[in-house]
């Protein structure tokens, strides 16, 4: 039924379903859409969660999706610089005989938030809060935030998590039937342009050209490699 915390509770009831729920095709269980709230920067997410904490909806289950740059707590990976994603994947795959201790403790973080929610102690939180708790429990904040998305009613994330199809796929974000809110949406054009753009350096182009020269000179799929070599030559 209508909530009691805002003006919609005073509206007249109608014969229509006012709960904003949809019936699943395979049963009688109600489907409640998630709210995906996209912002331009992580700093803006901090501002929004701070405002959410001041409202009557502070106890609503939520999560924040962000990169390993903000959430990785592994002492070696977090201080590695620009190759955090690659190092994280190597640890998860067990390369070099090492694994990530913090990844195996993800359930500690997700269960901690589930316990808080069950006892109505749940409050809106920020990335720093999750990272701090992750360090305390020795649990990965990055993957915990992804696990919390399953039971979250509100998911905060940067624009590109919603606009870039590759990021959506890797983060397992399904927007069908969900509610999408884009804060300061006039910035969407730049984000969309970046999502379909790719940058290469001149040294990378020269390295590619050398490899294509080798392919062509050794009669390896010349019909495929000659046009590519021509593109590299024109660009350099």
C-alpha atoms as a PDB file:
ATOM      1  CA  UNK A   1       0.000   0.000   0.000  1.00  0.00           C
ATOM      2  CA  UNK A   2       0.959   3.688   0.060  1.00  0.00           C
ATOM      3  CA  UNK A   3       3.855   4.639   2.313  1.00  0.00           C
ATOM      4  CA  UNK A   4       3.294   6.790   5.372  1.00  0.00           C
ATOM      5  CA  UNK A   5       6.434   8.920   5.173  1.00  0.00           C
ATOM      6  CA  UNK A   6       5.564  11.169   2.239  1.00  0.00           C
ATOM      7  CA  UNK A   7       2.714  12.970   0.518  1.00  0.00           C
ATOM      8  CA  UNK A   8       1.633   9.977  -1.549  1.00  0.00           C
ATOM      9  CA  UNK A   9      -0.025   8.473   1.583  1.00  0.00           C
ATOM     10  CA  UNK A  10      -2.656  11.196   1.477  1.00  0.00           C
ATOM     11  CA  UNK A  11      -3.676  10.430  -2.095  1.00  0.00           C
ATOM     12  CA  UNK A  12      -6.953   8.749  -2.881  1.00  0.00           C
ATOM     13  CA  UNK A  13      -6.806   4.998  -3.347  1.00  0.00           C
ATOM     14  CA  UNK A  14      -7.781   3.694  -6.737  1.00  0.00           C
ATOM     15  CA  UNK A  15      -8.661   0.307  -8.141  1.00  0.00           C
ATOM     16  CA  UNK A  16      -5.219   0.172  -9.729  1.00  0.00           C
ATOM     17  CA  UNK A  17      -2.198  -1.334  -7.989  1.00  0.00           C
ATOM     18  CA  UNK A  18      -0.382   1.594  -6.326  1.00  0.00           C
ATOM     19  CA  UNK A  19       2.649  -0.363  -5.092  1.00  0.00           C
ATOM     20  CA  UNK A  20       4.687   0.047  -8.289  1.00  0.00           C
ATOM     21  CA  UNK A  21       5.124  -3.713  -8.463  1.00  0.00           C
ATOM     22  CA  UNK A  22       4.789  -6.015 -11.423  1.00  0.00           C
ATOM     23  CA  UNK A  23       3.737  -9.612 -11.430  1.00  0.00           C
ATOM     24  CA  UNK A  24       6.331 -12.070 -12.633  1.00  0.00           C
ATOM     25  CA  UNK A  25       5.272 -14.133 -15.607  1.00  0.00           C
ATOM     26  CA  UNK A  26       6.203 -17.401 -13.912  1.00  0.00           C
ATOM     27  CA  UNK A  27       4.326 -16.942 -10.647  1.00  0.00           C
ATOM     28  CA  UNK A  28       2.510 -14.724  -8.187  1.00  0.00           C
ATOM     29  CA  UNK A  29       5.582 -13.213  -6.543  1.00  0.00           C
ATOM     30  CA  UNK A  30       5.828  -9.451  -6.968  1.00  0.00           C
ATOM     31  CA  UNK A  31       8.746  -7.961  -8.851  1.00  0.00           C
ATOM     32  CA  UNK A  32       9.988  -4.760  -7.235  1.00  0.00           C
ATOM     33  CA  UNK A  33      12.308  -2.790  -9.514  1.00  0.00           C
ATOM     34  CA  UNK A  34      15.640  -1.517  -8.259  1.00  0.00           C
ATOM     35  CA  UNK A  35      16.615   2.132  -8.508  1.00  0.00           C
ATOM     36  CA  UNK A  36      19.927   2.646 -10.316  1.00  0.00           C
ATOM     37  CA  UNK A  37      21.213   6.113  -9.469  1.00  0.00           C
ATOM     38  CA  UNK A  38      24.025   7.237 -11.795  1.00  0.00           C
ATOM     39  CA  UNK A  39      26.325  10.166 -11.063  1.00  0.00           C
ATOM     40  CA  UNK A  40      29.273  11.774 -12.845  1.00  0.00           C
ATOM     41  CA  UNK A  41      31.848  11.238 -10.086  1.00  0.00           C
ATOM     42  CA  UNK A  42      32.349   9.159  -6.948  1.00  0.00           C
ATOM     43  CA  UNK A  43      32.419  12.381  -4.929  1.00  0.00           C
ATOM     44  CA  UNK A  44      28.832  13.074  -5.933  1.00  0.00           C
ATOM     45  CA  UNK A  45      27.836   9.624  -4.698  1.00  0.00           C
ATOM     46  CA  UNK A  46      29.230  10.601  -1.286  1.00  0.00           C
ATOM     47  CA  UNK A  47      27.077  13.725  -1.286  1.00  0.00           C
ATOM     48  CA  UNK A  48      23.929  11.806  -2.252  1.00  0.00           C
ATOM     49  CA  UNK A  49      24.385   9.044   0.332  1.00  0.00           C
ATOM     50  CA  UNK A  50      24.985  11.720   2.978  1.00  0.00           C
ATOM     51  CA  UNK A  51      21.639  13.314   2.066  1.00  0.00           C
ATOM     52  CA  UNK A  52      19.945   9.889   1.987  1.00  0.00           C
ATOM     53  CA  UNK A  53      21.099   9.283   5.554  1.00  0.00           C
ATOM     54  CA  UNK A  54      19.165  12.385   6.650  1.00  0.00           C
ATOM     55  CA  UNK A  55      15.855  11.142   5.225  1.00  0.00           C
ATOM     56  CA  UNK A  56      13.261   8.647   6.425  1.00  0.00           C
ATOM     57  CA  UNK A  57      14.608   6.198   3.834  1.00  0.00           C
ATOM     58  CA  UNK A  58      18.062   5.823   5.383  1.00  0.00           C
ATOM     59  CA  UNK A  59      17.346   2.195   6.252  1.00  0.00           C
ATOM     60  CA  UNK A  60      16.600   1.162   2.649  1.00  0.00           C
ATOM     61  CA  UNK A  61      19.016  -1.599   1.494  1.00  0.00           C
ATOM     62  CA  UNK A  62      21.584  -0.050  -0.852  1.00  0.00           C
ATOM     63  CA  UNK A  63      24.983  -0.544  -2.412  1.00  0.00           C
ATOM     64  CA  UNK A  64      27.620   1.473  -4.249  1.00  0.00           C
ATOM     65  CA  UNK A  65      29.392   0.094  -7.301  1.00  0.00           C
ATOM     66  CA  UNK A  66      32.880   1.448  -7.847  1.00  0.00           C
ATOM     67  CA  UNK A  67      36.254   0.401  -9.208  1.00  0.00           C
ATOM     68  CA  UNK A  68      39.048  -1.391  -7.381  1.00  0.00           C
ATOM     69  CA  UNK A  69      40.832   1.970  -7.223  1.00  0.00           C
ATOM     70  CA  UNK A  70      38.357   2.974  -4.505  1.00  0.00           C
ATOM     71  CA  UNK A  71      37.545  -0.346  -2.835  1.00  0.00           C
ATOM     72  CA  UNK A  72      40.535  -2.722  -3.015  1.00  0.00           C
ATOM     73  CA  UNK A  73      42.059  -3.294   0.431  1.00  0.00           C
ATOM     74  CA  UNK A  74      44.735  -5.849  -0.514  1.00  0.00           C
ATOM     75  CA  UNK A  75      47.992  -4.206   0.659  1.00  0.00           C
ATOM     76  CA  UNK A  76      49.990  -5.167  -2.452  1.00  0.00           C
ATOM     77  CA  UNK A  77      47.289  -4.644  -5.104  1.00  0.00           C
ATOM     78  CA  UNK A  78      45.950  -1.368  -3.674  1.00  0.00           C
ATOM     79  CA  UNK A  79      49.449   0.152  -3.754  1.00  0.00           C
ATOM     80  CA  UNK A  80      50.368  -1.179  -7.184  1.00  0.00           C
ATOM     81  CA  UNK A  81      49.250   1.840  -9.227  1.00  0.00           C
ATOM     82  CA  UNK A  82      47.537   1.363 -12.581  1.00  0.00           C
ATOM     83  CA  UNK A  83      47.421  -2.451 -12.935  1.00  0.00           C
ATOM     84  CA  UNK A  84      45.123  -3.252 -10.005  1.00  0.00           C
ATOM     85  CA  UNK A  85      42.547  -5.040 -12.171  1.00  0.00           C
ATOM     86  CA  UNK A  86      45.140  -7.369 -13.683  1.00  0.00           C
ATOM     87  CA  UNK A  87      46.750  -8.137 -10.320  1.00  0.00           C
ATOM     88  CA  UNK A  88      43.343  -8.830  -8.763  1.00  0.00           C
ATOM     89  CA  UNK A  89      42.426 -11.275 -11.541  1.00  0.00           C
ATOM     90  CA  UNK A  90      45.774 -13.053 -11.162  1.00  0.00           C
ATOM     91  CA  UNK A  91      45.158 -13.520  -7.433  1.00  0.00           C
ATOM     92  CA  UNK A  92      41.620 -14.789  -8.043  1.00  0.00           C
ATOM     93  CA  UNK A  93      42.925 -17.291 -10.611  1.00  0.00           C
ATOM     94  CA  UNK A  94      45.639 -18.413  -8.201  1.00  0.00           C
ATOM     95  CA  UNK A  95      48.548 -17.558 -10.482  1.00  0.00           C
ATOM     96  CA  UNK A  96      52.043 -17.715  -8.992  1.00  0.00           C
ATOM     97  CA  UNK A  97      50.625 -19.891  -6.200  1.00  0.00           C
ATOM     98  CA  UNK A  98      48.990 -16.961  -4.408  1.00  0.00           C
ATOM     99  CA  UNK A  99      45.326 -16.128  -3.743  1.00  0.00           C
ATOM    100  CA  UNK A 100      43.443 -13.218  -2.194  1.00  0.00           C
ATOM    101  CA  UNK A 101      42.663 -13.720   1.482  1.00  0.00           C
ATOM    102  CA  UNK A 102      40.250 -10.772   1.443  1.00  0.00           C
ATOM    103  CA  UNK A 103      38.154 -12.192  -1.431  1.00  0.00           C
ATOM    104  CA  UNK A 104      37.463 -15.353   0.583  1.00  0.00           C
ATOM    105  CA  UNK A 105      36.049 -13.157   3.372  1.00  0.00           C
ATOM    106  CA  UNK A 106      33.470 -11.360   1.212  1.00  0.00           C
ATOM    107  CA  UNK A 107      30.577 -13.111   2.957  1.00  0.00           C
ATOM    108  CA  UNK A 108      31.581 -11.451   6.245  1.00  0.00           C
ATOM    109  CA  UNK A 109      30.756  -8.019   4.810  1.00  0.00           C
ATOM    110  CA  UNK A 110      27.544  -8.980   3.005  1.00  0.00           C
ATOM    111  CA  UNK A 111      26.247 -10.920   6.039  1.00  0.00           C
ATOM    112  CA  UNK A 112      27.152  -8.016   8.331  1.00  0.00           C
ATOM    113  CA  UNK A 113      24.931  -5.673   6.313  1.00  0.00           C
ATOM    114  CA  UNK A 114      22.162  -8.289   6.119  1.00  0.00           C
ATOM    115  CA  UNK A 115      22.257  -8.615   9.909  1.00  0.00           C
ATOM    116  CA  UNK A 116      22.058  -4.850  10.356  1.00  0.00           C
ATOM    117  CA  UNK A 117      19.063  -4.676   8.019  1.00  0.00           C
ATOM    118  CA  UNK A 118      17.266  -7.467   9.877  1.00  0.00           C
ATOM    119  CA  UNK A 119      17.613  -5.587  13.167  1.00  0.00           C
ATOM    120  CA  UNK A 120      16.603  -2.242  11.571  1.00  0.00           C
ATOM    121  CA  UNK A 121      20.041  -0.801  12.294  1.00  0.00           C
ATOM    122  CA  UNK A 122      20.795  -0.331   8.613  1.00  0.00           C
ATOM    123  CA  UNK A 123      21.844   3.202   7.625  1.00  0.00           C
ATOM    124  CA  UNK A 124      22.920   4.754   4.359  1.00  0.00           C
ATOM    125  CA  UNK A 125      26.682   4.375   3.976  1.00  0.00           C
ATOM    126  CA  UNK A 126      29.491   5.607   1.740  1.00  0.00           C
ATOM    127  CA  UNK A 127      32.382   3.848  -0.007  1.00  0.00           C
ATOM    128  CA  UNK A 128      34.755   4.868   2.780  1.00  0.00           C
ATOM    129  CA  UNK A 129      32.436   3.239   5.345  1.00  0.00           C
ATOM    130  CA  UNK A 130      32.428  -0.051   3.421  1.00  0.00           C
ATOM    131  CA  UNK A 131      36.202  -0.002   2.921  1.00  0.00           C
ATOM    132  CA  UNK A 132      36.766   0.749   6.600  1.00  0.00           C
ATOM    133  CA  UNK A 133      34.506  -2.140   7.619  1.00  0.00           C
ATOM    134  CA  UNK A 134      36.218  -4.377   5.047  1.00  0.00           C
ATOM    135  CA  UNK A 135      39.614  -3.687   6.618  1.00  0.00           C
ATOM    136  CA  UNK A 136      38.192  -4.422  10.052  1.00  0.00           C
ATOM    137  CA  UNK A 137      36.648  -7.734   8.946  1.00  0.00           C
ATOM    138  CA  UNK A 138      39.468  -8.518   6.466  1.00  0.00           C
ATOM    139  CA  UNK A 139      36.902  -8.793   3.667  1.00  0.00           C
ATOM    140  CA  UNK A 140      36.957  -7.458   0.088  1.00  0.00           C
ATOM    141  CA  UNK A 141      34.816  -4.331  -0.226  1.00  0.00           C
ATOM    142  CA  UNK A 142      34.827  -4.462  -4.059  1.00  0.00           C
ATOM    143  CA  UNK A 143      33.121  -7.855  -4.369  1.00  0.00           C
ATOM    144  CA  UNK A 144      30.985  -7.286  -1.268  1.00  0.00           C
ATOM    145  CA  UNK A 145      29.419  -4.223  -2.932  1.00  0.00           C
ATOM    146  CA  UNK A 146      28.570  -6.398  -5.934  1.00  0.00           C
ATOM    147  CA  UNK A 147      27.002  -9.076  -3.730  1.00  0.00           C
ATOM    148  CA  UNK A 148      24.942  -6.454  -1.901  1.00  0.00           C
ATOM    149  CA  UNK A 149      23.438  -5.419  -5.256  1.00  0.00           C
ATOM    150  CA  UNK A 150      21.283  -8.578  -5.221  1.00  0.00           C
ATOM    151  CA  UNK A 151      19.222  -7.439  -2.231  1.00  0.00           C
ATOM    152  CA  UNK A 152      19.608  -3.681  -2.699  1.00  0.00           C
ATOM    153  CA  UNK A 153      16.676  -1.402  -3.482  1.00  0.00           C
ATOM    154  CA  UNK A 154      18.988   1.458  -4.517  1.00  0.00           C
ATOM    155  CA  UNK A 155      22.250   1.022  -6.427  1.00  0.00           C
ATOM    156  CA  UNK A 156      24.567   4.032  -6.709  1.00  0.00           C
ATOM    157  CA  UNK A 157      27.244   4.072  -9.395  1.00  0.00           C
ATOM    158  CA  UNK A 158      29.043   6.329 -11.899  1.00  0.00           C
ATOM    159  CA  UNK A 159      27.401   6.971 -15.290  1.00  0.00           C
ATOM    160  CA  UNK A 160      29.619   4.568 -17.236  1.00  0.00           C
ATOM    161  CA  UNK A 161      28.422   1.576 -15.189  1.00  0.00           C
ATOM    162  CA  UNK A 162      24.998   2.121 -16.763  1.00  0.00           C
ATOM    163  CA  UNK A 163      26.000   3.386 -20.216  1.00  0.00           C
ATOM    164  CA  UNK A 164      28.949   1.173 -21.136  1.00  0.00           C
ATOM    165  CA  UNK A 165      27.698  -2.280 -22.255  1.00  0.00           C
ATOM    166  CA  UNK A 166      30.999  -3.979 -21.369  1.00  0.00           C
ATOM    167  CA  UNK A 167      30.914  -2.674 -17.795  1.00  0.00           C
ATOM    168  CA  UNK A 168      27.231  -3.613 -17.471  1.00  0.00           C
ATOM    169  CA  UNK A 169      28.050  -7.149 -18.546  1.00  0.00           C
ATOM    170  CA  UNK A 170      31.082  -7.513 -16.271  1.00  0.00           C
ATOM    171  CA  UNK A 171      29.172  -6.104 -13.274  1.00  0.00           C
ATOM    172  CA  UNK A 172      26.083  -8.211 -14.129  1.00  0.00           C
ATOM    173  CA  UNK A 173      23.819  -5.162 -14.285  1.00  0.00           C
ATOM    174  CA  UNK A 174      20.431  -5.815 -15.887  1.00  0.00           C
ATOM    175  CA  UNK A 175      18.446  -2.611 -16.414  1.00  0.00           C
ATOM    176  CA  UNK A 176      15.354  -4.213 -17.937  1.00  0.00           C
ATOM    177  CA  UNK A 177      12.300  -3.201 -15.927  1.00  0.00           C
ATOM    178  CA  UNK A 178      14.395  -1.181 -13.474  1.00  0.00           C
ATOM    179  CA  UNK A 179      14.274   2.515 -12.571  1.00  0.00           C
ATOM    180  CA  UNK A 180      17.245   4.566 -13.813  1.00  0.00           C
ATOM    181  CA  UNK A 181      18.000   8.035 -12.442  1.00  0.00           C
ATOM    182  CA  UNK A 182      20.824  10.077 -13.982  1.00  0.00           C
ATOM    183  CA  UNK A 183      22.024  12.980 -11.869  1.00  0.00           C
ATOM    184  CA  UNK A 184      23.091  16.047 -13.876  1.00  0.00           C
ATOM    185  CA  UNK A 185      22.178  14.254 -17.092  1.00  0.00           C
ATOM    186  CA  UNK A 186      23.597  17.015 -19.298  1.00  0.00           C
ATOM    187  CA  UNK A 187      26.967  15.290 -18.762  1.00  0.00           C
ATOM    188  CA  UNK A 188      25.747  12.079 -20.393  1.00  0.00           C
ATOM    189  CA  UNK A 189      26.995  13.014 -23.879  1.00  0.00           C
ATOM    190  CA  UNK A 190      30.624  13.139 -22.762  1.00  0.00           C
ATOM    191  CA  UNK A 191      30.317   9.851 -20.887  1.00  0.00           C
ATOM    192  CA  UNK A 192      28.647   8.135 -23.858  1.00  0.00           C
ATOM    193  CA  UNK A 193      31.384   9.440 -26.161  1.00  0.00           C
ATOM    194  CA  UNK A 194      34.072   8.073 -23.846  1.00  0.00           C
ATOM    195  CA  UNK A 195      32.341   4.683 -23.688  1.00  0.00           C
ATOM    196  CA  UNK A 196      32.756   4.172 -27.434  1.00  0.00           C
ATOM    197  CA  UNK A 197      36.195   5.767 -27.707  1.00  0.00           C
ATOM    198  CA  UNK A 198      39.636   4.244 -27.418  1.00  0.00           C
ATOM    199  CA  UNK A 199      43.044   5.880 -27.125  1.00  0.00           C
ATOM    200  CA  UNK A 200      46.336   4.571 -28.516  1.00  0.00           C
ATOM    201  CA  UNK A 201      49.818   6.058 -28.390  1.00  0.00           C
ATOM    202  CA  UNK A 202      52.163   6.558 -31.325  1.00  0.00           C
ATOM    203  CA  UNK A 203      54.570   3.976 -29.896  1.00  0.00           C
ATOM    204  CA  UNK A 204      51.744   1.422 -29.775  1.00  0.00           C
ATOM    205  CA  UNK A 205      50.905   2.120 -33.417  1.00  0.00           C
ATOM    206  CA  UNK A 206      54.547   1.661 -34.445  1.00  0.00           C
ATOM    207  CA  UNK A 207      54.738  -1.631 -32.533  1.00  0.00           C
ATOM    208  CA  UNK A 208      51.578  -2.859 -34.287  1.00  0.00           C
ATOM    209  CA  UNK A 209      52.983  -1.780 -37.649  1.00  0.00           C
ATOM    210  CA  UNK A 210      56.176  -3.790 -37.040  1.00  0.00           C
ATOM    211  CA  UNK A 211      54.159  -6.901 -36.201  1.00  0.00           C
ATOM    212  CA  UNK A 212      51.985  -6.447 -39.277  1.00  0.00           C
ATOM    213  CA  UNK A 213      55.119  -6.023 -41.407  1.00  0.00           C
ATOM    214  CA  UNK A 214      56.329  -9.365 -40.068  1.00  0.00           C
ATOM    215  CA  UNK A 215      52.988 -11.005 -40.875  1.00  0.00           C
ATOM    216  CA  UNK A 216      52.872  -9.656 -44.428  1.00  0.00           C
ATOM    217  CA  UNK A 217      56.537 -10.427 -45.172  1.00  0.00           C
ATOM    218  CA  UNK A 218      56.036 -14.013 -44.030  1.00  0.00           C
ATOM    219  CA  UNK A 219      52.879 -14.500 -46.118  1.00  0.00           C
ATOM    220  CA  UNK A 220      50.631 -14.900 -43.054  1.00  0.00           C
ATOM    221  CA  UNK A 221      47.052 -13.963 -44.023  1.00  0.00           C
ATOM    222  CA  UNK A 222      48.270 -11.134 -46.234  1.00  0.00           C
ATOM    223  CA  UNK A 223      44.759 -10.153 -47.374  1.00  0.00           C
ATOM    224  CA  UNK A 224      43.776  -9.459 -43.770  1.00  0.00           C
ATOM    225  CA  UNK A 225      46.991  -7.846 -42.578  1.00  0.00           C
ATOM    226  CA  UNK A 226      47.843  -5.545 -45.485  1.00  0.00           C
ATOM    227  CA  UNK A 227      44.778  -3.286 -45.034  1.00  0.00           C
ATOM    228  CA  UNK A 228      45.505  -3.079 -41.290  1.00  0.00           C
ATOM    229  CA  UNK A 229      49.091  -2.135 -42.004  1.00  0.00           C
ATOM    230  CA  UNK A 230      47.889   0.584 -44.352  1.00  0.00           C
ATOM    231  CA  UNK A 231      45.696   2.034 -41.574  1.00  0.00           C
ATOM    232  CA  UNK A 232      48.627   2.056 -39.156  1.00  0.00           C
ATOM    233  CA  UNK A 233      50.848   3.722 -41.749  1.00  0.00           C
ATOM    234  CA  UNK A 234      48.280   6.421 -42.422  1.00  0.00           C
ATOM    235  CA  UNK A 235      47.827   7.101 -38.708  1.00  0.00           C
ATOM    236  CA  UNK A 236      51.549   7.299 -37.942  1.00  0.00           C
END
